[in-house]
């Protein structure tokens, strides 16, 4: 599988504003306005130019909340940019990774694989035209 780059890293947090303040201060970075998804993932998130995405659950029984209850806050997923999502999905499935979901966000297509197959870290593959990167899109670039 050809990986072009790490697109972004998901960090699950209990308090989004507190996490934004900490990572901004420690890394000297600026995060996007908070993005709310209350239809599909039930999260609030914010991205920075480095590719960090801080994610907070907005429901006590959502997948992010359940993960935090089970494992605590921290690294949850690595999103990898690939040139051909379908080819990459087939390759990871052939290697025994379990596909759990697919998402289309405008020009961005994503596929997520279960964390139990990768030492507790969800592998997310994404395909998009370069100017549509997640961090750039969130920051309006």
N, C-alpha and C. Protein backbone atom coordinates (compact mmCIF):
# COMPACT_ATOMS: atom_id res chain seq x y z
N UNK A 1 0.85 -1.17 0.00
CA UNK A 1 0.00 0.00 0.00
C UNK A 1 0.90 1.24 0.00
N UNK A 2 0.59 2.15 -0.86
CA UNK A 2 1.35 3.40 -0.92
C UNK A 2 0.69 4.43 -0.01
N UNK A 3 1.45 4.94 0.93
CA UNK A 3 0.98 5.99 1.84
C UNK A 3 1.70 7.27 1.47
N UNK A 4 0.95 8.32 1.19
CA UNK A 4 1.56 9.59 0.80
C UNK A 4 2.05 10.38 2.01
N UNK A 5 1.28 10.32 3.10
CA UNK A 5 1.69 11.05 4.31
C UNK A 5 0.72 10.74 5.44
N UNK A 6 1.11 11.10 6.66
CA UNK A 6 0.16 11.12 7.77
C UNK A 6 -0.64 12.39 7.60
N UNK A 7 -1.95 12.26 7.47
CA UNK A 7 -2.81 13.42 7.26
C UNK A 7 -3.11 14.12 8.58
N UNK A 8 -3.59 13.36 9.55
CA UNK A 8 -3.83 13.92 10.87
C UNK A 8 -3.92 12.81 11.91
N UNK A 9 -3.83 13.22 13.17
CA UNK A 9 -3.86 12.29 14.29
C UNK A 9 -5.02 12.69 15.19
N UNK A 10 -5.87 11.72 15.54
CA UNK A 10 -7.01 11.97 16.41
C UNK A 10 -6.58 11.76 17.86
N UNK A 11 -6.87 12.73 18.70
CA UNK A 11 -6.63 12.62 20.14
C UNK A 11 -7.97 12.81 20.83
N UNK A 12 -8.44 11.79 21.54
CA UNK A 12 -9.71 11.88 22.25
C UNK A 12 -9.49 12.55 23.60
N UNK A 13 -10.35 13.52 23.90
CA UNK A 13 -10.22 14.30 25.13
C UNK A 13 -11.59 14.43 25.81
N UNK A 14 -11.57 14.66 27.12
CA UNK A 14 -12.81 14.87 27.88
C UNK A 14 -13.27 16.32 27.79
N UNK A 15 -12.32 17.25 27.73
CA UNK A 15 -12.64 18.68 27.75
C UNK A 15 -11.90 19.35 26.58
N UNK A 16 -12.63 19.62 25.52
CA UNK A 16 -12.02 20.15 24.30
C UNK A 16 -11.33 21.49 24.51
N UNK A 17 -12.00 22.42 25.18
CA UNK A 17 -11.40 23.74 25.38
C UNK A 17 -10.11 23.66 26.18
N UNK A 18 -10.10 22.83 27.21
CA UNK A 18 -8.90 22.65 28.03
C UNK A 18 -7.77 22.05 27.19
N UNK A 19 -8.09 21.08 26.35
CA UNK A 19 -7.09 20.44 25.49
C UNK A 19 -6.55 21.43 24.46
N UNK A 20 -7.43 22.25 23.88
CA UNK A 20 -6.98 23.25 22.92
C UNK A 20 -6.00 24.21 23.58
N UNK A 21 -6.32 24.65 24.78
CA UNK A 21 -5.43 25.56 25.51
C UNK A 21 -4.08 24.91 25.76
N UNK A 22 -4.09 23.68 26.25
CA UNK A 22 -2.84 22.99 26.56
C UNK A 22 -1.98 22.81 25.31
N UNK A 23 -2.55 22.21 24.26
CA UNK A 23 -1.75 21.93 23.06
C UNK A 23 -1.31 23.22 22.37
N UNK A 24 -2.14 24.25 22.40
CA UNK A 24 -1.75 25.54 21.83
C UNK A 24 -0.55 26.11 22.57
N UNK A 25 -0.62 26.08 23.90
CA UNK A 25 0.47 26.61 24.72
C UNK A 25 1.74 25.79 24.58
N UNK A 26 1.63 24.48 24.65
CA UNK A 26 2.80 23.61 24.62
C UNK A 26 3.46 23.59 23.25
N UNK A 27 2.65 23.53 22.19
CA UNK A 27 3.20 23.39 20.84
C UNK A 27 3.28 24.70 20.07
N UNK A 28 2.72 25.76 20.62
CA UNK A 28 2.74 27.05 19.93
C UNK A 28 1.95 27.01 18.63
N UNK A 29 0.85 26.28 18.62
CA UNK A 29 0.05 26.12 17.42
C UNK A 29 -1.33 26.75 17.61
N UNK A 30 -2.04 26.92 16.53
CA UNK A 30 -3.38 27.50 16.57
C UNK A 30 -4.37 26.48 16.04
N UNK A 31 -5.47 26.33 16.73
CA UNK A 31 -6.51 25.38 16.33
C UNK A 31 -7.64 26.10 15.63
N UNK A 32 -8.35 25.34 14.80
CA UNK A 32 -9.49 25.86 14.06
C UNK A 32 -10.64 26.16 15.01
N UNK A 33 -11.65 26.84 14.49
CA UNK A 33 -12.90 26.97 15.22
C UNK A 33 -13.41 25.56 15.49
N UNK A 34 -14.18 25.42 16.54
CA UNK A 34 -14.71 24.11 16.90
C UNK A 34 -15.76 23.68 15.88
N UNK A 35 -15.62 22.45 15.44
CA UNK A 35 -16.53 21.83 14.48
C UNK A 35 -17.44 20.88 15.26
N UNK A 36 -18.74 20.98 15.04
CA UNK A 36 -19.69 20.12 15.75
C UNK A 36 -20.35 19.18 14.76
N UNK A 37 -20.32 17.90 15.08
CA UNK A 37 -21.03 16.89 14.30
C UNK A 37 -21.99 16.21 15.26
N UNK A 38 -23.24 16.64 15.24
CA UNK A 38 -24.21 16.02 16.15
C UNK A 38 -25.13 15.04 15.43
N UNK A 39 -24.85 14.75 14.17
CA UNK A 39 -25.67 13.82 13.40
C UNK A 39 -25.07 12.42 13.29
N UNK A 40 -23.78 12.34 12.99
CA UNK A 40 -23.17 11.03 12.73
C UNK A 40 -22.29 10.58 13.90
N UNK A 41 -21.27 11.37 14.23
CA UNK A 41 -20.29 10.95 15.23
C UNK A 41 -20.58 11.49 16.63
N UNK A 42 -21.41 12.51 16.72
CA UNK A 42 -21.75 13.13 18.01
C UNK A 42 -20.49 13.61 18.74
N UNK A 43 -19.74 14.46 18.02
CA UNK A 43 -18.48 14.98 18.55
C UNK A 43 -18.36 16.48 18.31
N UNK A 44 -17.44 17.04 19.05
CA UNK A 44 -16.92 18.39 18.78
C UNK A 44 -15.43 18.17 18.57
N UNK A 45 -14.86 18.88 17.58
CA UNK A 45 -13.44 18.70 17.32
C UNK A 45 -12.81 20.00 16.83
N UNK A 46 -11.50 20.02 16.86
CA UNK A 46 -10.74 21.15 16.37
C UNK A 46 -9.41 20.63 15.85
N UNK A 47 -8.95 21.21 14.73
CA UNK A 47 -7.71 20.78 14.09
C UNK A 47 -6.70 21.91 14.07
N UNK A 48 -5.43 21.53 14.03
CA UNK A 48 -4.38 22.53 13.85
C UNK A 48 -3.61 22.23 12.58
N UNK A 49 -2.69 23.13 12.22
CA UNK A 49 -1.92 22.98 10.98
C UNK A 49 -0.93 21.82 11.01
N UNK A 50 -0.59 21.36 12.21
CA UNK A 50 0.34 20.24 12.34
C UNK A 50 -0.33 18.92 12.00
N UNK A 51 -1.67 18.90 12.06
CA UNK A 51 -2.41 17.68 11.80
C UNK A 51 -2.94 17.01 13.05
N UNK A 52 -3.02 17.75 14.14
CA UNK A 52 -3.63 17.20 15.36
C UNK A 52 -5.11 17.52 15.34
N UNK A 53 -5.93 16.53 15.62
CA UNK A 53 -7.37 16.75 15.75
C UNK A 53 -7.77 16.34 17.16
N UNK A 54 -8.22 17.31 17.93
CA UNK A 54 -8.70 17.05 19.28
C UNK A 54 -10.19 16.77 19.17
N UNK A 55 -10.64 15.67 19.80
CA UNK A 55 -12.02 15.22 19.63
C UNK A 55 -12.66 14.96 20.99
N UNK A 56 -13.85 15.56 21.19
CA UNK A 56 -14.60 15.40 22.43
C UNK A 56 -16.00 14.88 22.08
N UNK A 57 -16.50 13.94 22.86
CA UNK A 57 -17.84 13.43 22.65
C UNK A 57 -18.86 14.44 23.15
N UNK A 58 -20.00 14.54 22.46
CA UNK A 58 -21.08 15.41 22.96
C UNK A 58 -22.23 14.58 23.53
N UNK A 59 -22.05 13.26 23.54
CA UNK A 59 -23.05 12.38 24.15
C UNK A 59 -22.33 11.40 25.07
N UNK A 60 -22.94 11.06 26.20
CA UNK A 60 -22.27 10.15 27.14
C UNK A 60 -22.16 8.71 26.64
N UNK A 61 -22.93 8.35 25.61
CA UNK A 61 -22.89 6.99 25.11
C UNK A 61 -22.34 6.88 23.69
N UNK A 62 -21.74 7.95 23.17
CA UNK A 62 -21.16 7.94 21.83
C UNK A 62 -19.87 7.14 21.79
N UNK A 63 -19.39 6.82 20.59
CA UNK A 63 -18.18 6.00 20.47
C UNK A 63 -16.94 6.64 21.11
N UNK A 64 -16.80 7.95 20.99
CA UNK A 64 -15.63 8.60 21.60
C UNK A 64 -15.72 8.52 23.12
N UNK A 65 -16.91 8.78 23.67
CA UNK A 65 -17.11 8.69 25.11
C UNK A 65 -16.85 7.27 25.63
N UNK A 66 -17.35 6.29 24.91
CA UNK A 66 -17.13 4.88 25.32
C UNK A 66 -15.64 4.53 25.30
N UNK A 67 -14.94 5.01 24.28
CA UNK A 67 -13.50 4.74 24.20
C UNK A 67 -12.76 5.38 25.36
N UNK A 68 -13.10 6.63 25.68
CA UNK A 68 -12.45 7.31 26.80
C UNK A 68 -12.76 6.59 28.12
N UNK A 69 -14.00 6.14 28.30
CA UNK A 69 -14.36 5.42 29.52
C UNK A 69 -13.56 4.12 29.65
N UNK A 70 -13.33 3.48 28.53
CA UNK A 70 -12.63 2.18 28.51
C UNK A 70 -11.12 2.33 28.63
N UNK A 71 -10.54 3.30 27.87
CA UNK A 71 -9.08 3.40 27.75
C UNK A 71 -8.49 4.71 28.25
N UNK A 72 -9.34 5.68 28.53
CA UNK A 72 -8.84 6.97 28.94
C UNK A 72 -8.59 7.87 27.74
N UNK A 73 -8.22 9.10 28.01
CA UNK A 73 -7.95 10.07 26.95
C UNK A 73 -6.64 9.69 26.24
N UNK A 74 -6.48 10.22 25.01
CA UNK A 74 -5.20 10.03 24.34
C UNK A 74 -5.34 9.69 22.87
N UNK A 75 -4.22 9.23 22.32
CA UNK A 75 -4.15 8.88 20.90
C UNK A 75 -5.21 7.85 20.57
N UNK A 76 -6.00 8.13 19.54
CA UNK A 76 -7.07 7.22 19.16
C UNK A 76 -6.93 6.71 17.74
N UNK A 77 -6.48 7.57 16.82
CA UNK A 77 -6.43 7.16 15.42
C UNK A 77 -5.35 7.92 14.67
N UNK A 78 -4.85 7.26 13.64
CA UNK A 78 -3.92 7.89 12.71
C UNK A 78 -4.57 7.84 11.34
N UNK A 79 -4.68 9.01 10.72
CA UNK A 79 -5.27 9.11 9.39
C UNK A 79 -4.16 9.21 8.36
N UNK A 80 -4.17 8.28 7.41
CA UNK A 80 -3.12 8.20 6.40
C UNK A 80 -3.70 8.54 5.03
N UNK A 81 -3.03 9.45 4.32
CA UNK A 81 -3.47 9.82 2.98
C UNK A 81 -2.93 8.79 1.99
N UNK A 82 -3.84 8.25 1.19
CA UNK A 82 -3.47 7.26 0.16
C UNK A 82 -3.98 7.74 -1.19
N UNK A 83 -3.31 7.36 -2.27
CA UNK A 83 -3.76 7.81 -3.59
C UNK A 83 -4.98 7.06 -4.12
N UNK A 84 -5.19 5.82 -3.63
CA UNK A 84 -6.30 5.00 -4.11
C UNK A 84 -6.93 4.29 -2.92
N UNK A 85 -8.03 4.86 -2.42
CA UNK A 85 -8.66 4.33 -1.21
C UNK A 85 -9.12 2.88 -1.39
N UNK A 86 -9.75 2.58 -2.50
CA UNK A 86 -10.27 1.23 -2.71
C UNK A 86 -9.16 0.18 -2.69
N UNK A 87 -8.05 0.48 -3.34
CA UNK A 87 -6.91 -0.43 -3.36
C UNK A 87 -6.35 -0.61 -1.94
N UNK A 88 -6.22 0.49 -1.20
CA UNK A 88 -5.67 0.43 0.15
C UNK A 88 -6.60 -0.34 1.10
N UNK A 89 -7.90 -0.14 0.96
CA UNK A 89 -8.87 -0.87 1.79
C UNK A 89 -8.74 -2.37 1.55
N UNK A 90 -8.69 -2.78 0.30
CA UNK A 90 -8.55 -4.20 -0.03
C UNK A 90 -7.27 -4.78 0.56
N UNK A 91 -6.20 -4.00 0.49
CA UNK A 91 -4.92 -4.49 1.01
C UNK A 91 -4.96 -4.68 2.52
N UNK A 92 -5.53 -3.73 3.25
CA UNK A 92 -5.60 -3.87 4.70
C UNK A 92 -6.55 -5.00 5.11
N UNK A 93 -7.65 -5.15 4.39
CA UNK A 93 -8.56 -6.26 4.68
C UNK A 93 -7.87 -7.60 4.43
N UNK A 94 -7.07 -7.68 3.38
CA UNK A 94 -6.33 -8.91 3.07
C UNK A 94 -5.31 -9.23 4.17
N UNK A 95 -4.87 -8.20 4.88
CA UNK A 95 -3.91 -8.39 5.97
C UNK A 95 -4.61 -8.64 7.30
N UNK A 96 -5.94 -8.75 7.27
CA UNK A 96 -6.68 -9.11 8.47
C UNK A 96 -7.27 -7.97 9.27
N UNK A 97 -7.16 -6.74 8.79
CA UNK A 97 -7.75 -5.62 9.51
C UNK A 97 -9.24 -5.53 9.18
N UNK A 98 -10.03 -5.18 10.18
CA UNK A 98 -11.49 -5.14 10.06
C UNK A 98 -11.96 -3.74 9.72
N UNK A 99 -12.58 -3.59 8.56
CA UNK A 99 -13.17 -2.31 8.16
C UNK A 99 -14.41 -2.07 9.00
N UNK A 100 -14.49 -0.90 9.65
CA UNK A 100 -15.66 -0.61 10.50
C UNK A 100 -16.55 0.47 9.93
N UNK A 101 -16.00 1.37 9.11
CA UNK A 101 -16.88 2.39 8.52
C UNK A 101 -16.20 3.07 7.34
N UNK A 102 -17.06 3.68 6.55
CA UNK A 102 -16.63 4.51 5.41
C UNK A 102 -17.37 5.82 5.51
N UNK A 103 -16.70 6.89 5.10
CA UNK A 103 -17.30 8.23 5.18
C UNK A 103 -16.92 9.00 3.93
N UNK A 104 -17.85 9.80 3.45
CA UNK A 104 -17.56 10.73 2.37
C UNK A 104 -17.91 12.12 2.89
N UNK A 105 -16.90 12.98 2.95
CA UNK A 105 -17.08 14.36 3.42
C UNK A 105 -16.70 15.29 2.28
N UNK A 106 -17.65 15.61 1.43
CA UNK A 106 -17.33 16.42 0.26
C UNK A 106 -16.38 15.67 -0.64
N UNK A 107 -15.20 16.23 -0.86
CA UNK A 107 -14.20 15.61 -1.74
C UNK A 107 -13.31 14.61 -1.01
N UNK A 108 -13.51 14.47 0.29
CA UNK A 108 -12.68 13.57 1.09
C UNK A 108 -13.42 12.24 1.30
N UNK A 109 -12.75 11.12 0.97
CA UNK A 109 -13.29 9.79 1.22
C UNK A 109 -12.41 9.15 2.29
N UNK A 110 -13.06 8.49 3.27
CA UNK A 110 -12.31 7.87 4.36
C UNK A 110 -12.82 6.45 4.63
N UNK A 111 -11.94 5.65 5.19
CA UNK A 111 -12.28 4.30 5.65
C UNK A 111 -11.55 4.08 6.97
N UNK A 112 -12.28 3.56 7.97
CA UNK A 112 -11.69 3.33 9.29
C UNK A 112 -11.64 1.84 9.58
N UNK A 113 -10.54 1.44 10.23
CA UNK A 113 -10.31 0.05 10.61
C UNK A 113 -10.28 -0.07 12.12
N UNK A 114 -10.77 -1.19 12.62
CA UNK A 114 -10.96 -1.38 14.06
C UNK A 114 -9.63 -1.30 14.81
N UNK A 115 -9.62 -0.57 15.93
CA UNK A 115 -8.40 -0.41 16.72
C UNK A 115 -7.86 -1.73 17.30
N UNK A 116 -8.73 -2.69 17.53
CA UNK A 116 -8.25 -3.95 18.12
C UNK A 116 -7.25 -4.66 17.20
N UNK A 117 -7.31 -4.34 15.91
CA UNK A 117 -6.41 -4.98 14.95
C UNK A 117 -5.06 -4.27 14.83
N UNK A 118 -4.93 -3.11 15.48
CA UNK A 118 -3.69 -2.32 15.35
C UNK A 118 -3.25 -1.77 16.71
N UNK A 119 -3.20 -2.64 17.71
CA UNK A 119 -2.68 -2.30 19.03
C UNK A 119 -3.41 -1.12 19.67
N UNK A 120 -4.72 -1.03 19.47
CA UNK A 120 -5.52 0.00 20.12
C UNK A 120 -5.61 1.31 19.37
N UNK A 121 -5.02 1.40 18.19
CA UNK A 121 -5.07 2.63 17.41
C UNK A 121 -5.89 2.38 16.14
N UNK A 122 -6.92 3.20 15.93
CA UNK A 122 -7.70 3.08 14.70
C UNK A 122 -6.84 3.57 13.54
N UNK A 123 -6.82 2.80 12.48
CA UNK A 123 -6.17 3.25 11.25
C UNK A 123 -7.27 3.79 10.35
N UNK A 124 -7.08 5.01 9.93
CA UNK A 124 -8.04 5.66 9.04
C UNK A 124 -7.30 5.98 7.75
N UNK A 125 -7.87 5.58 6.65
CA UNK A 125 -7.30 5.91 5.34
C UNK A 125 -8.14 7.02 4.73
N UNK A 126 -7.50 7.95 4.05
CA UNK A 126 -8.25 9.02 3.40
C UNK A 126 -7.67 9.28 2.01
N UNK A 127 -8.58 9.64 1.11
CA UNK A 127 -8.20 9.98 -0.26
C UNK A 127 -8.85 11.31 -0.58
N UNK A 128 -8.06 12.24 -1.11
CA UNK A 128 -8.57 13.56 -1.49
C UNK A 128 -7.56 14.25 -2.37
N UNK A 129 -8.03 15.29 -3.03
CA UNK A 129 -7.14 16.16 -3.80
C UNK A 129 -6.35 16.97 -2.77
N UNK A 130 -5.11 17.26 -3.03
CA UNK A 130 -4.23 17.88 -2.03
C UNK A 130 -4.83 19.09 -1.33
N UNK A 131 -5.50 19.97 -2.05
CA UNK A 131 -6.03 21.18 -1.41
C UNK A 131 -7.20 20.90 -0.48
N UNK A 132 -7.66 19.65 -0.40
CA UNK A 132 -8.80 19.32 0.44
C UNK A 132 -8.41 18.66 1.75
N UNK A 133 -7.16 18.69 2.14
CA UNK A 133 -6.73 18.03 3.37
C UNK A 133 -7.55 18.46 4.57
N UNK A 134 -7.74 17.55 5.51
CA UNK A 134 -8.59 17.80 6.66
C UNK A 134 -8.16 19.03 7.44
N UNK A 135 -6.87 19.14 7.75
CA UNK A 135 -6.41 20.29 8.52
C UNK A 135 -6.59 21.58 7.74
N UNK A 136 -6.30 21.55 6.46
CA UNK A 136 -6.47 22.76 5.64
C UNK A 136 -7.94 23.15 5.52
N UNK A 137 -8.80 22.15 5.34
CA UNK A 137 -10.22 22.43 5.20
C UNK A 137 -10.77 23.07 6.47
N UNK A 138 -10.36 22.55 7.62
CA UNK A 138 -10.85 23.08 8.88
C UNK A 138 -10.33 24.49 9.14
N UNK A 139 -9.15 24.78 8.67
CA UNK A 139 -8.56 26.10 8.89
C UNK A 139 -8.89 27.07 7.78
N UNK A 140 -9.69 26.64 6.81
CA UNK A 140 -10.08 27.52 5.72
C UNK A 140 -8.94 27.82 4.77
N UNK A 141 -8.07 26.88 4.57
CA UNK A 141 -6.92 27.08 3.67
C UNK A 141 -7.05 26.25 2.43
